[in-house]
């Protein structure tokens, strides 16, 4: 499996957002939650309408770590989120699959589906870097670190054992290395 990097350039992030605005409210909101919360895709896909409706924060218990996490719902997410949940029941999955369970019940979108629509969007907008579901989480980390320079918070948020791991995870070590080589 190829390693993925964050979407570093704001222009590319905006291109993805614009693409999803024109194609799918569901995919737009999923992408925005990914880049504005840093949640893992496995936690995002399990969200239900009741988890976001009328809320200021997303409160989850992370599936991997079993730790609670509370993240403010970013202003850029509010309007698309309201459009997505309009006319949905509070126990509906926020990101429903078009497929049903064997018993005919709705089910959450699968990671592989998210991966496919991210790759399709990348191809449509001309983004040539490797991309997958983890790109959204890494993008959040990169944006957070670039804006706030608070590595300790980010390390804690990602549950990493060292700052070096966090820097590598958000692509900052590679970016620094590239810059140093370019300036030889």
N, C-alpha and C. Protein backbone atom coordinates (compact mmCIF):
# COMPACT_ATOMS: atom_id res chain seq x y z
N UNK A 1 0.84 -1.17 0.00
CA UNK A 1 0.00 0.00 0.00
C UNK A 1 0.89 1.24 0.00
N UNK A 2 0.57 2.19 -0.87
CA UNK A 2 1.33 3.43 -0.97
C UNK A 2 1.05 4.33 0.23
N UNK A 3 2.10 4.98 0.69
CA UNK A 3 1.94 5.96 1.76
C UNK A 3 1.30 7.23 1.17
N UNK A 4 0.45 7.86 1.95
CA UNK A 4 -0.18 9.09 1.50
C UNK A 4 0.31 10.25 2.34
N UNK A 5 0.24 11.42 1.78
CA UNK A 5 0.64 12.65 2.44
C UNK A 5 -0.60 13.51 2.65
N UNK A 6 -0.47 14.56 3.47
CA UNK A 6 -1.59 15.50 3.59
C UNK A 6 -1.75 16.30 2.31
N UNK A 7 -2.92 16.87 2.15
CA UNK A 7 -3.14 17.82 1.05
C UNK A 7 -2.66 19.16 1.60
N UNK A 8 -1.42 19.51 1.28
CA UNK A 8 -0.76 20.66 1.89
C UNK A 8 -1.25 21.99 1.35
N UNK A 9 -1.48 22.05 0.07
CA UNK A 9 -1.78 23.31 -0.60
C UNK A 9 -3.27 23.65 -0.47
N UNK A 10 -3.55 24.85 0.03
CA UNK A 10 -4.93 25.28 0.21
C UNK A 10 -5.70 25.28 -1.10
N UNK A 11 -5.02 25.59 -2.18
CA UNK A 11 -5.67 25.60 -3.50
C UNK A 11 -6.23 24.22 -3.84
N UNK A 12 -5.46 23.17 -3.53
CA UNK A 12 -5.94 21.81 -3.79
C UNK A 12 -7.09 21.45 -2.87
N UNK A 13 -7.01 21.84 -1.60
CA UNK A 13 -8.12 21.57 -0.67
C UNK A 13 -9.39 22.23 -1.18
N UNK A 14 -9.27 23.48 -1.61
CA UNK A 14 -10.42 24.20 -2.16
C UNK A 14 -10.95 23.53 -3.43
N UNK A 15 -10.06 22.99 -4.24
CA UNK A 15 -10.48 22.29 -5.46
C UNK A 15 -11.29 21.04 -5.12
N UNK A 16 -10.86 20.30 -4.11
CA UNK A 16 -11.63 19.13 -3.67
C UNK A 16 -13.01 19.57 -3.16
N UNK A 17 -13.02 20.61 -2.34
CA UNK A 17 -14.28 21.10 -1.79
C UNK A 17 -15.23 21.53 -2.90
N UNK A 18 -14.72 22.28 -3.86
CA UNK A 18 -15.54 22.74 -4.98
C UNK A 18 -16.08 21.56 -5.79
N UNK A 19 -15.23 20.57 -6.01
CA UNK A 19 -15.67 19.37 -6.74
C UNK A 19 -16.83 18.70 -6.00
N UNK A 20 -16.67 18.50 -4.69
CA UNK A 20 -17.73 17.83 -3.92
C UNK A 20 -18.99 18.69 -3.80
N UNK A 21 -18.83 20.02 -3.75
CA UNK A 21 -20.00 20.90 -3.73
C UNK A 21 -20.85 20.70 -4.98
N UNK A 22 -20.20 20.38 -6.07
CA UNK A 22 -20.90 20.21 -7.34
C UNK A 22 -21.35 18.78 -7.62
N UNK A 23 -20.94 17.84 -6.77
CA UNK A 23 -21.27 16.44 -7.05
C UNK A 23 -22.05 15.72 -5.96
N UNK A 24 -21.76 16.00 -4.67
CA UNK A 24 -22.39 15.20 -3.62
C UNK A 24 -22.29 15.88 -2.25
N UNK A 25 -23.44 16.19 -1.65
CA UNK A 25 -23.44 16.75 -0.29
C UNK A 25 -22.84 15.76 0.69
N UNK A 26 -23.17 14.49 0.53
CA UNK A 26 -22.64 13.46 1.43
C UNK A 26 -21.11 13.45 1.40
N UNK A 27 -20.54 13.42 0.19
CA UNK A 27 -19.09 13.35 0.06
C UNK A 27 -18.43 14.65 0.52
N UNK A 28 -19.10 15.78 0.29
CA UNK A 28 -18.58 17.06 0.75
C UNK A 28 -18.48 17.08 2.27
N UNK A 29 -19.55 16.72 2.95
CA UNK A 29 -19.55 16.76 4.41
C UNK A 29 -18.54 15.76 4.98
N UNK A 30 -18.44 14.59 4.39
CA UNK A 30 -17.48 13.60 4.87
C UNK A 30 -16.06 14.16 4.73
N UNK A 31 -15.75 14.76 3.59
CA UNK A 31 -14.42 15.34 3.38
C UNK A 31 -14.16 16.47 4.38
N UNK A 32 -15.13 17.34 4.58
CA UNK A 32 -14.97 18.46 5.51
C UNK A 32 -14.77 17.97 6.95
N UNK A 33 -15.54 16.97 7.36
CA UNK A 33 -15.34 16.41 8.70
C UNK A 33 -13.94 15.84 8.81
N UNK A 34 -13.49 15.17 7.76
CA UNK A 34 -12.15 14.59 7.77
C UNK A 34 -11.05 15.62 7.93
N UNK A 35 -11.16 16.74 7.20
CA UNK A 35 -10.07 17.72 7.26
C UNK A 35 -10.22 18.72 8.40
N UNK A 36 -11.40 18.80 9.01
CA UNK A 36 -11.59 19.76 10.11
C UNK A 36 -11.70 19.11 11.49
N UNK A 37 -11.62 17.78 11.57
CA UNK A 37 -11.67 17.14 12.89
C UNK A 37 -10.47 16.24 13.15
N UNK A 38 -9.90 15.66 12.11
CA UNK A 38 -8.80 14.73 12.29
C UNK A 38 -9.26 13.36 12.76
N UNK A 39 -10.56 13.09 12.72
CA UNK A 39 -11.07 11.77 13.09
C UNK A 39 -10.62 10.74 12.06
N UNK A 40 -10.47 9.51 12.52
CA UNK A 40 -10.19 8.40 11.60
C UNK A 40 -11.46 8.12 10.79
N UNK A 41 -11.26 7.59 9.59
CA UNK A 41 -12.39 7.31 8.71
C UNK A 41 -13.34 6.31 9.37
N UNK A 42 -12.82 5.38 10.13
CA UNK A 42 -13.68 4.39 10.79
C UNK A 42 -14.61 5.04 11.81
N UNK A 43 -14.20 6.16 12.38
CA UNK A 43 -15.06 6.89 13.32
C UNK A 43 -16.03 7.81 12.58
N UNK A 44 -15.59 8.39 11.48
CA UNK A 44 -16.45 9.28 10.71
C UNK A 44 -17.63 8.53 10.12
N UNK A 45 -17.38 7.38 9.55
CA UNK A 45 -18.45 6.64 8.87
C UNK A 45 -19.53 6.14 9.83
N UNK A 46 -19.22 6.05 11.10
CA UNK A 46 -20.20 5.56 12.09
C UNK A 46 -21.10 6.67 12.64
N UNK A 47 -20.81 7.92 12.27
CA UNK A 47 -21.61 9.03 12.80
C UNK A 47 -23.06 8.92 12.36
N UNK A 48 -23.94 9.31 13.25
CA UNK A 48 -25.38 9.35 12.95
C UNK A 48 -25.86 10.80 13.04
N UNK A 49 -27.01 11.05 12.50
CA UNK A 49 -27.57 12.40 12.49
C UNK A 49 -27.61 12.98 13.91
N UNK A 50 -28.01 12.18 14.88
CA UNK A 50 -28.11 12.65 16.27
C UNK A 50 -26.77 13.12 16.83
N UNK A 51 -25.68 12.66 16.24
CA UNK A 51 -24.35 13.06 16.72
C UNK A 51 -23.98 14.48 16.32
N UNK A 52 -24.69 15.04 15.34
CA UNK A 52 -24.34 16.38 14.84
C UNK A 52 -25.49 17.37 14.91
N UNK A 53 -26.70 16.88 14.94
CA UNK A 53 -27.88 17.75 14.88
C UNK A 53 -27.96 18.67 16.09
N UNK A 54 -27.92 19.99 15.83
CA UNK A 54 -28.02 20.98 16.90
C UNK A 54 -26.82 21.04 17.82
N UNK A 55 -25.71 20.50 17.42
CA UNK A 55 -24.53 20.42 18.29
C UNK A 55 -23.48 21.45 17.88
N UNK A 56 -22.66 21.82 18.84
CA UNK A 56 -21.51 22.71 18.60
C UNK A 56 -20.22 21.90 18.47
N UNK A 57 -20.27 20.67 19.02
CA UNK A 57 -19.09 19.80 19.01
C UNK A 57 -19.49 18.41 18.52
N UNK A 58 -18.50 17.71 17.98
CA UNK A 58 -18.67 16.29 17.70
C UNK A 58 -18.03 15.56 18.87
N UNK A 59 -18.80 14.76 19.56
CA UNK A 59 -18.31 13.96 20.68
C UNK A 59 -18.31 12.51 20.24
N UNK A 60 -17.14 11.89 20.27
CA UNK A 60 -17.08 10.47 19.92
C UNK A 60 -16.17 9.74 20.90
N UNK A 61 -16.29 8.44 20.91
CA UNK A 61 -15.31 7.58 21.56
C UNK A 61 -14.60 6.90 20.40
N UNK A 62 -13.30 7.17 20.28
CA UNK A 62 -12.56 6.64 19.15
C UNK A 62 -12.57 5.12 19.17
N UNK A 63 -12.83 4.55 18.02
CA UNK A 63 -12.89 3.10 17.90
C UNK A 63 -11.56 2.43 18.19
N UNK A 64 -10.47 3.01 17.72
CA UNK A 64 -9.15 2.39 17.86
C UNK A 64 -8.61 2.51 19.28
N UNK A 65 -8.71 3.71 19.86
CA UNK A 65 -8.10 3.94 21.18
C UNK A 65 -9.08 3.81 22.34
N UNK A 66 -10.38 3.83 22.02
CA UNK A 66 -11.44 3.81 23.03
C UNK A 66 -11.42 5.05 23.92
N UNK A 67 -10.75 6.11 23.44
CA UNK A 67 -10.69 7.36 24.19
C UNK A 67 -11.75 8.33 23.66
N UNK A 68 -12.35 9.11 24.58
CA UNK A 68 -13.31 10.12 24.11
C UNK A 68 -12.58 11.28 23.44
N UNK A 69 -13.21 11.84 22.43
CA UNK A 69 -12.68 13.03 21.76
C UNK A 69 -13.82 13.99 21.48
N UNK A 70 -13.57 15.25 21.72
CA UNK A 70 -14.57 16.29 21.49
C UNK A 70 -13.92 17.33 20.59
N UNK A 71 -14.55 17.59 19.44
CA UNK A 71 -14.00 18.55 18.48
C UNK A 71 -15.09 19.53 18.07
N UNK A 72 -14.74 20.80 18.07
CA UNK A 72 -15.63 21.87 17.65
C UNK A 72 -16.02 21.69 16.19
N UNK A 73 -17.28 21.93 15.87
CA UNK A 73 -17.74 21.84 14.47
C UNK A 73 -17.38 23.16 13.78
N UNK A 74 -16.46 23.08 12.85
CA UNK A 74 -15.93 24.26 12.15
C UNK A 74 -17.03 24.98 11.37
N UNK A 75 -16.91 26.29 11.30
CA UNK A 75 -17.93 27.11 10.62
C UNK A 75 -18.12 26.71 9.16
N UNK A 76 -17.06 26.24 8.49
CA UNK A 76 -17.18 25.83 7.08
C UNK A 76 -17.97 24.54 6.91
N UNK A 77 -18.23 23.88 8.00
CA UNK A 77 -18.94 22.61 7.98
C UNK A 77 -20.43 22.77 8.27
N UNK A 78 -20.81 23.83 8.93
CA UNK A 78 -22.19 23.97 9.43
C UNK A 78 -23.26 23.94 8.33
N UNK A 79 -23.16 24.78 7.33
CA UNK A 79 -24.19 24.85 6.30
C UNK A 79 -24.30 23.55 5.48
N UNK A 80 -23.18 22.99 5.00
CA UNK A 80 -23.29 21.71 4.28
C UNK A 80 -23.87 20.59 5.16
N UNK A 81 -23.53 20.62 6.44
CA UNK A 81 -24.05 19.62 7.38
C UNK A 81 -25.56 19.76 7.53
N UNK A 82 -26.03 20.99 7.66
CA UNK A 82 -27.48 21.22 7.77
C UNK A 82 -28.22 20.73 6.52
N UNK A 83 -27.64 20.98 5.34
CA UNK A 83 -28.25 20.49 4.09
C UNK A 83 -28.32 18.97 4.07
N UNK A 84 -27.24 18.34 4.52
CA UNK A 84 -27.17 16.88 4.48
C UNK A 84 -28.19 16.23 5.41
N UNK A 85 -28.38 16.78 6.61
CA UNK A 85 -29.26 16.11 7.58
C UNK A 85 -30.73 16.50 7.44
N UNK A 86 -30.99 17.50 6.62
CA UNK A 86 -32.38 17.91 6.41
C UNK A 86 -33.18 16.70 5.93
N UNK A 87 -34.32 16.48 6.53
CA UNK A 87 -35.23 15.37 6.19
C UNK A 87 -34.69 13.99 6.55
N UNK A 88 -33.70 13.92 7.42
CA UNK A 88 -33.22 12.62 7.89
C UNK A 88 -33.68 12.42 9.32
N UNK A 89 -33.82 11.17 9.71
CA UNK A 89 -34.16 10.82 11.09
C UNK A 89 -32.89 10.83 11.94
N UNK A 90 -33.07 11.06 13.23
CA UNK A 90 -31.89 11.22 14.09
C UNK A 90 -31.04 9.96 14.22
N UNK A 91 -31.60 8.79 13.96
CA UNK A 91 -30.80 7.56 14.06
C UNK A 91 -30.25 7.10 12.72
N UNK A 92 -30.51 7.86 11.66
CA UNK A 92 -29.94 7.53 10.35
C UNK A 92 -28.43 7.76 10.40
N UNK A 93 -27.71 6.95 9.63
CA UNK A 93 -26.29 7.22 9.47
C UNK A 93 -26.13 8.53 8.72
N UNK A 94 -25.16 9.29 9.12
CA UNK A 94 -24.87 10.55 8.44
C UNK A 94 -24.43 10.27 7.00
N UNK A 95 -23.66 9.20 6.84
CA UNK A 95 -23.14 8.83 5.52
C UNK A 95 -23.62 7.42 5.18
N UNK A 96 -24.83 7.38 4.67
CA UNK A 96 -25.44 6.09 4.36
C UNK A 96 -24.91 5.52 3.06
N UNK A 97 -24.78 4.23 3.07
CA UNK A 97 -24.42 3.51 1.86
C UNK A 97 -25.68 3.36 1.01
N UNK A 98 -25.49 3.23 -0.27
CA UNK A 98 -26.65 2.95 -1.14
C UNK A 98 -27.07 1.50 -1.00
N UNK A 99 -26.17 0.67 -0.48
CA UNK A 99 -26.46 -0.73 -0.26
C UNK A 99 -27.15 -0.91 1.09
N UNK A 100 -27.89 -1.99 1.21
CA UNK A 100 -28.59 -2.30 2.46
C UNK A 100 -28.00 -3.57 3.08
N UNK A 101 -28.35 -3.80 4.34
CA UNK A 101 -27.96 -5.05 4.97
C UNK A 101 -28.82 -6.18 4.40
N UNK A 102 -28.50 -7.40 4.75
CA UNK A 102 -29.31 -8.54 4.26
C UNK A 102 -30.75 -8.44 4.71
N UNK A 103 -30.97 -7.78 5.84
CA UNK A 103 -32.34 -7.64 6.35
C UNK A 103 -33.03 -6.38 5.81
N UNK A 104 -32.34 -5.64 4.93
CA UNK A 104 -32.95 -4.48 4.30
C UNK A 104 -32.76 -3.17 5.04
N UNK A 105 -31.95 -3.19 6.10
CA UNK A 105 -31.71 -1.95 6.85
C UNK A 105 -30.59 -1.13 6.20
N UNK A 106 -30.64 0.17 6.47
CA UNK A 106 -29.58 1.04 5.99
C UNK A 106 -28.28 0.72 6.70
N UNK A 107 -27.17 0.97 6.02
CA UNK A 107 -25.87 0.77 6.65
C UNK A 107 -24.97 1.94 6.29
N UNK A 108 -23.91 2.08 7.06
CA UNK A 108 -22.97 3.18 6.84
C UNK A 108 -22.13 2.92 5.61
N UNK A 109 -21.67 4.00 5.01
CA UNK A 109 -20.77 3.92 3.87
C UNK A 109 -19.50 3.17 4.30
N UNK A 110 -18.89 2.47 3.39
CA UNK A 110 -17.67 1.71 3.71
C UNK A 110 -16.43 2.51 3.35
N UNK A 111 -15.35 2.20 4.03
CA UNK A 111 -14.07 2.85 3.79
C UNK A 111 -13.67 2.77 2.32
N UNK A 112 -13.88 1.62 1.70
CA UNK A 112 -13.49 1.45 0.29
C UNK A 112 -14.26 2.40 -0.62
N UNK A 113 -15.50 2.69 -0.29
CA UNK A 113 -16.29 3.63 -1.09
C UNK A 113 -15.73 5.04 -0.95
N UNK A 114 -15.36 5.42 0.26
CA UNK A 114 -14.76 6.73 0.49
C UNK A 114 -13.44 6.83 -0.29
N UNK A 115 -12.66 5.79 -0.22
CA UNK A 115 -11.39 5.76 -0.94
C UNK A 115 -11.62 5.96 -2.46
N UNK A 116 -12.64 5.30 -2.98
CA UNK A 116 -12.94 5.42 -4.42
C UNK A 116 -13.37 6.82 -4.79
N UNK A 117 -14.24 7.45 -3.98
CA UNK A 117 -14.68 8.79 -4.38
C UNK A 117 -13.58 9.83 -4.19
N UNK A 118 -12.66 9.61 -3.25
CA UNK A 118 -11.52 10.52 -3.11
C UNK A 118 -10.60 10.41 -4.33
N UNK A 119 -10.35 9.19 -4.75
CA UNK A 119 -9.49 8.98 -5.93
C UNK A 119 -10.14 9.52 -7.20
N UNK A 120 -11.45 9.35 -7.32
CA UNK A 120 -12.15 9.89 -8.48
C UNK A 120 -12.09 11.41 -8.49
N UNK A 121 -12.31 12.03 -7.34
CA UNK A 121 -12.24 13.49 -7.25
C UNK A 121 -10.83 13.97 -7.61
N UNK A 122 -9.82 13.29 -7.08
CA UNK A 122 -8.43 13.68 -7.38
C UNK A 122 -8.17 13.64 -8.88
N UNK A 123 -8.63 12.59 -9.51
CA UNK A 123 -8.43 12.46 -10.96
C UNK A 123 -9.16 13.57 -11.71
N UNK A 124 -10.40 13.86 -11.30
CA UNK A 124 -11.20 14.89 -11.97
C UNK A 124 -10.60 16.28 -11.85
N UNK A 125 -9.98 16.59 -10.71
CA UNK A 125 -9.43 17.93 -10.53
C UNK A 125 -7.95 18.02 -10.92
N UNK A 126 -7.35 16.87 -11.24
CA UNK A 126 -5.95 16.89 -11.67
C UNK A 126 -4.93 16.77 -10.54
N UNK A 127 -5.37 16.33 -9.38
CA UNK A 127 -4.47 16.15 -8.24
C UNK A 127 -3.73 14.84 -8.43
N UNK A 128 -2.41 14.88 -8.51
CA UNK A 128 -1.64 13.68 -8.87
C UNK A 128 -0.93 12.99 -7.72
N UNK A 129 -0.98 13.58 -6.52
CA UNK A 129 -0.36 12.95 -5.36
C UNK A 129 -1.20 11.74 -4.93
N UNK A 130 -0.55 10.73 -4.33
CA UNK A 130 -1.34 9.60 -3.81
C UNK A 130 -2.34 10.09 -2.77
N UNK A 131 -3.56 9.57 -2.83
CA UNK A 131 -4.60 9.99 -1.89
C UNK A 131 -5.40 8.77 -1.45
N UNK A 132 -5.81 8.81 -0.20
CA UNK A 132 -6.65 7.75 0.37
C UNK A 132 -7.38 8.37 1.57
N UNK A 133 -8.15 7.57 2.26
CA UNK A 133 -8.94 8.09 3.37
C UNK A 133 -8.07 8.74 4.45
N UNK A 134 -6.87 8.23 4.64
CA UNK A 134 -5.99 8.77 5.68
C UNK A 134 -5.48 10.16 5.33
N UNK A 135 -5.57 10.54 4.07
CA UNK A 135 -5.12 11.87 3.64
C UNK A 135 -5.89 12.96 4.38
N UNK A 136 -7.15 12.72 4.67
CA UNK A 136 -7.96 13.75 5.35
C UNK A 136 -7.45 14.00 6.77
N UNK A 137 -7.17 12.94 7.51
CA UNK A 137 -6.66 13.05 8.88
C UNK A 137 -5.30 13.75 8.88
N UNK A 138 -4.46 13.36 7.94
CA UNK A 138 -3.14 13.98 7.84
C UNK A 138 -3.25 15.45 7.43
N UNK A 139 -4.21 15.75 6.59
CA UNK A 139 -4.44 17.14 6.19
C UNK A 139 -4.84 17.98 7.39
N UNK A 140 -5.73 17.46 8.22
CA UNK A 140 -6.10 18.16 9.45
C UNK A 140 -4.85 18.46 10.27
N UNK A 141 -4.02 17.45 10.48
CA UNK A 141 -2.80 17.63 11.27
C UNK A 141 -1.88 18.67 10.68
N UNK A 142 -1.71 18.63 9.38
CA UNK A 142 -0.85 19.59 8.70
C UNK A 142 -1.40 21.01 8.83
N UNK A 143 -2.71 21.17 8.63
CA UNK A 143 -3.32 22.50 8.75
C UNK A 143 -3.19 23.02 10.19
N UNK A 144 -3.45 22.15 11.16
CA UNK A 144 -3.40 22.53 12.57
C UNK A 144 -1.99 22.97 12.94
N UNK A 145 -1.00 22.17 12.55
CA UNK A 145 0.39 22.50 12.90
C UNK A 145 0.86 23.76 12.19
N UNK A 146 0.53 23.90 10.93
CA UNK A 146 0.94 25.08 10.17
C UNK A 146 0.35 26.36 10.77
N UNK A 147 -0.88 26.28 11.23
CA UNK A 147 -1.56 27.45 11.80
C UNK A 147 -1.11 27.74 13.23
N UNK A 148 -1.00 26.72 14.07
CA UNK A 148 -0.80 26.93 15.50
C UNK A 148 0.59 26.57 16.02
N UNK A 149 1.34 25.80 15.27
CA UNK A 149 2.70 25.36 15.68
C UNK A 149 2.70 24.68 17.04
N UNK A 150 1.61 24.02 17.39
CA UNK A 150 1.50 23.36 18.70
C UNK A 150 1.63 21.85 18.51
N UNK A 151 2.86 21.40 18.51
CA UNK A 151 3.14 19.99 18.26
C UNK A 151 2.67 19.10 19.42
N UNK A 152 2.76 19.61 20.64
CA UNK A 152 2.35 18.81 21.82
C UNK A 152 0.85 18.49 21.76
N UNK A 153 0.03 19.48 21.43
CA UNK A 153 -1.41 19.23 21.31
C UNK A 153 -1.70 18.20 20.22
N UNK A 154 -1.04 18.36 19.10
CA UNK A 154 -1.27 17.47 17.97
C UNK A 154 -0.81 16.05 18.29
N UNK A 155 0.33 15.94 18.94
CA UNK A 155 0.83 14.62 19.36
C UNK A 155 -0.17 13.94 20.28
N UNK A 156 -0.71 14.68 21.22
CA UNK A 156 -1.71 14.15 22.14
C UNK A 156 -2.99 13.76 21.40
N UNK A 157 -3.43 14.64 20.51
CA UNK A 157 -4.65 14.39 19.74
C UNK A 157 -4.54 13.12 18.90
N UNK A 158 -3.37 12.92 18.28
CA UNK A 158 -3.16 11.74 17.44
C UNK A 158 -2.72 10.52 18.24
N UNK A 159 -2.46 10.73 19.54
CA UNK A 159 -2.05 9.64 20.42
C UNK A 159 -0.70 9.04 19.98
N UNK A 160 0.22 9.91 19.57
CA UNK A 160 1.54 9.47 19.14
C UNK A 160 2.50 9.47 20.33
N UNK A 161 3.51 8.60 20.27
CA UNK A 161 4.44 8.47 21.39
C UNK A 161 5.56 9.50 21.38
N UNK A 162 5.78 10.17 20.25
CA UNK A 162 6.84 11.18 20.21
C UNK A 162 6.50 12.28 19.20
N UNK A 163 7.08 13.47 19.42
CA UNK A 163 6.87 14.57 18.48
C UNK A 163 7.39 14.23 17.08
N UNK A 164 8.47 13.47 17.01
CA UNK A 164 9.06 13.09 15.72
C UNK A 164 8.06 12.28 14.89
N UNK A 165 7.35 11.38 15.53
CA UNK A 165 6.34 10.58 14.83
C UNK A 165 5.24 11.49 14.29
N UNK A 166 4.81 12.45 15.10
CA UNK A 166 3.76 13.37 14.66
C UNK A 166 4.22 14.20 13.47
N UNK A 167 5.44 14.73 13.54
CA UNK A 167 5.96 15.52 12.42
C UNK A 167 6.03 14.69 11.13
N UNK A 168 6.48 13.45 11.26
CA UNK A 168 6.54 12.57 10.09
C UNK A 168 5.13 12.28 9.57
N UNK A 169 4.20 12.04 10.48
CA UNK A 169 2.82 11.70 10.12
C UNK A 169 2.15 12.81 9.32
N UNK A 170 2.38 14.08 9.71
CA UNK A 170 1.73 15.19 9.02
C UNK A 170 2.55 15.72 7.85
N UNK A 171 3.64 15.02 7.53
CA UNK A 171 4.42 15.37 6.35
C UNK A 171 5.38 16.53 6.53
N UNK A 172 5.60 16.97 7.75
CA UNK A 172 6.48 18.12 7.97
C UNK A 172 7.95 17.73 7.84
N UNK A 173 8.34 16.54 8.23
CA UNK A 173 9.74 16.14 8.10
C UNK A 173 10.12 16.05 6.63
N UNK A 174 9.25 15.48 5.81
CA UNK A 174 9.53 15.36 4.38
C UNK A 174 9.61 16.74 3.74
N UNK A 175 8.68 17.62 4.12
CA UNK A 175 8.68 18.97 3.56
C UNK A 175 9.98 19.71 3.92
N UNK A 176 10.43 19.55 5.16
CA UNK A 176 11.68 20.20 5.59
C UNK A 176 12.86 19.60 4.84
N UNK A 177 12.89 18.30 4.70
CA UNK A 177 13.96 17.62 3.97
C UNK A 177 14.01 18.09 2.52
N UNK A 178 12.83 18.16 1.88
CA UNK A 178 12.75 18.62 0.48
C UNK A 178 13.29 20.04 0.35
N UNK A 179 12.90 20.90 1.31
CA UNK A 179 13.35 22.29 1.27
C UNK A 179 14.87 22.38 1.45
N UNK A 180 15.42 21.58 2.38
CA UNK A 180 16.86 21.59 2.62
C UNK A 180 17.63 21.11 1.40
N UNK A 181 17.14 20.07 0.75
CA UNK A 181 17.81 19.56 -0.45
C UNK A 181 17.73 20.59 -1.57
N UNK A 182 16.61 21.24 -1.72
CA UNK A 182 16.45 22.25 -2.77
C UNK A 182 17.39 23.44 -2.54
N UNK A 183 17.72 23.71 -1.29
CA UNK A 183 18.58 24.85 -0.97
C UNK A 183 20.05 24.48 -0.82
N UNK A 184 20.46 23.33 -1.28
CA UNK A 184 21.89 22.93 -1.22
C UNK A 184 22.72 23.80 -2.13
